[in-house]
Amino acid sequence: MPYKSNSELPETVKENLPEHGQDIYREAFNSAWEEYKEPSDRRGGASREETAHKVAWSAVKRVYKKDSRGKWVKKD
């Protein structure tokens, strides 16, 4: 279930990440969706969707961090 636009992302992503963070999330999710389509490519019996979400959050965390108020901000 790749995402065509940021408006299709899960509410938790849309409500918490700035637009650029959403772009990163969507692109990483879609890439991982294709890369990990075979169960043998995933770890620990994770579903394709679960794996893609984990990859997407990891990609976001390379560029963004949560500040002291819990808001996602770009790393310095």
C-alpha atoms as a PDB file:
ATOM      1  CA  MET A   1       0.000   0.000   0.000  1.00  0.00           C
ATOM      2  CA  PRO A   2       2.426   2.693  -1.113  1.00  0.00           C
ATOM      3  CA  TYR A   3       1.420   6.287  -0.489  1.00  0.00           C
ATOM      4  CA  LYS A   4       0.868   8.538  -3.514  1.00  0.00           C
ATOM      5  CA  SER A   5       0.819  11.744  -1.489  1.00  0.00           C
ATOM      6  CA  ASN A   6       1.385  12.961   2.046  1.00  0.00           C
ATOM      7  CA  SER A   7      -2.367  13.335   2.526  1.00  0.00           C
ATOM      8  CA  GLU A   8      -2.622   9.528   2.476  1.00  0.00           C
ATOM      9  CA  LEU A   9      -0.098   9.028   5.296  1.00  0.00           C
ATOM     10  CA  PRO A  10      -1.263   7.748   8.703  1.00  0.00           C
ATOM     11  CA  GLU A  11      -2.710  10.445  10.958  1.00  0.00           C
ATOM     12  CA  THR A  12       0.106  10.000  13.486  1.00  0.00           C
ATOM     13  CA  VAL A  13       2.632  10.899  10.789  1.00  0.00           C
ATOM     14  CA  LYS A  14       0.649  13.846   9.411  1.00  0.00           C
ATOM     15  CA  GLU A  15      -0.079  15.254  12.871  1.00  0.00           C
ATOM     16  CA  ASN A  16       3.507  15.065  14.113  1.00  0.00           C
ATOM     17  CA  LEU A  17       5.928  15.600  11.246  1.00  0.00           C
ATOM     18  CA  PRO A  18       6.526  18.790   9.280  1.00  0.00           C
ATOM     19  CA  GLU A  19       5.892  18.585   5.522  1.00  0.00           C
ATOM     20  CA  HIS A  20       9.519  17.765   4.689  1.00  0.00           C
ATOM     21  CA  GLY A  21       9.530  15.013   7.312  1.00  0.00           C
ATOM     22  CA  GLN A  22       6.372  13.609   5.742  1.00  0.00           C
ATOM     23  CA  ASP A  23       8.090  13.604   2.343  1.00  0.00           C
ATOM     24  CA  ILE A  24      10.994  11.621   3.794  1.00  0.00           C
ATOM     25  CA  TYR A  25       8.611   9.203   5.499  1.00  0.00           C
ATOM     26  CA  ARG A  26       6.537   8.608   2.339  1.00  0.00           C
ATOM     27  CA  GLU A  27       9.540   8.099   0.075  1.00  0.00           C
ATOM     28  CA  ALA A  28      11.262   5.728   2.527  1.00  0.00           C
ATOM     29  CA  PHE A  29       8.042   3.780   3.143  1.00  0.00           C
ATOM     30  CA  ASN A  30       7.400   3.342  -0.588  1.00  0.00           C
ATOM     31  CA  SER A  31      10.981   2.256  -1.225  1.00  0.00           C
ATOM     32  CA  ALA A  32      10.929  -0.258   1.651  1.00  0.00           C
ATOM     33  CA  TRP A  33       7.518  -1.546   0.498  1.00  0.00           C
ATOM     34  CA  GLU A  34       9.182  -2.650  -2.732  1.00  0.00           C
ATOM     35  CA  GLU A  35      12.505  -3.732  -1.235  1.00  0.00           C
ATOM     36  CA  TYR A  36      10.992  -5.996   1.442  1.00  0.00           C
ATOM     37  CA  LYS A  37       8.130  -7.559  -0.486  1.00  0.00           C
ATOM     38  CA  GLU A  38       9.476 -11.089   0.036  1.00  0.00           C
ATOM     39  CA  PRO A  39       9.002 -12.468   3.578  1.00  0.00           C
ATOM     40  CA  SER A  40      12.529 -13.892   3.473  1.00  0.00           C
ATOM     41  CA  ASP A  41      13.850 -10.308   3.158  1.00  0.00           C
ATOM     42  CA  ARG A  42      12.309  -9.283   6.500  1.00  0.00           C
ATOM     43  CA  ARG A  43      13.458  -9.956  10.046  1.00  0.00           C
ATOM     44  CA  GLY A  44      11.576 -11.754  12.779  1.00  0.00           C
ATOM     45  CA  GLY A  45       8.478 -12.535  10.777  1.00  0.00           C
ATOM     46  CA  ALA A  46       7.499  -8.864  10.511  1.00  0.00           C
ATOM     47  CA  SER A  47       4.834  -7.970   7.980  1.00  0.00           C
ATOM     48  CA  ARG A  48       5.674  -6.032   4.853  1.00  0.00           C
ATOM     49  CA  GLU A  49       3.787  -3.001   6.186  1.00  0.00           C
ATOM     50  CA  GLU A  50       5.411  -3.139   9.622  1.00  0.00           C
ATOM     51  CA  THR A  51       8.864  -3.317   8.048  1.00  0.00           C
ATOM     52  CA  ALA A  52       8.137  -0.394   5.722  1.00  0.00           C
ATOM     53  CA  HIS A  53       6.930   1.761   8.641  1.00  0.00           C
ATOM     54  CA  LYS A  54      10.075   0.948  10.647  1.00  0.00           C
ATOM     55  CA  VAL A  55      12.290   1.887   7.710  1.00  0.00           C
ATOM     56  CA  ALA A  56      10.335   5.107   7.194  1.00  0.00           C
ATOM     57  CA  TRP A  57      10.706   6.195  10.820  1.00  0.00           C
ATOM     58  CA  SER A  58      14.415   5.379  10.721  1.00  0.00           C
ATOM     59  CA  ALA A  59      14.802   7.604   7.662  1.00  0.00           C
ATOM     60  CA  VAL A  60      12.990  10.458   9.410  1.00  0.00           C
ATOM     61  CA  LYS A  61      15.185  10.092  12.503  1.00  0.00           C
ATOM     62  CA  ARG A  62      18.317  10.600  10.381  1.00  0.00           C
ATOM     63  CA  VAL A  63      17.165  14.152   9.614  1.00  0.00           C
ATOM     64  CA  TYR A  64      14.773  15.054  12.453  1.00  0.00           C
ATOM     65  CA  LYS A  65      14.733  14.752  16.235  1.00  0.00           C
ATOM     66  CA  LYS A  66      12.189  15.519  18.920  1.00  0.00           C
ATOM     67  CA  ASP A  67      12.829  18.710  20.863  1.00  0.00           C
ATOM     68  CA  SER A  68      12.215  19.159  24.589  1.00  0.00           C
ATOM     69  CA  ARG A  69       8.492  19.721  23.899  1.00  0.00           C
ATOM     70  CA  GLY A  70       8.176  16.561  21.819  1.00  0.00           C
ATOM     71  CA  LYS A  71       7.989  18.423  18.500  1.00  0.00           C
ATOM     72  CA  TRP A  72       9.886  17.028  15.501  1.00  0.00           C
ATOM     73  CA  VAL A  73      12.587  19.499  14.404  1.00  0.00           C
ATOM     74  CA  LYS A  74      15.454  19.300  11.923  1.00  0.00           C
ATOM     75  CA  LYS A  75      18.764  18.253  13.409  1.00  0.00           C
ATOM     76  CA  ASP A  76      21.538  20.842  13.446  1.00  0.00           C
END
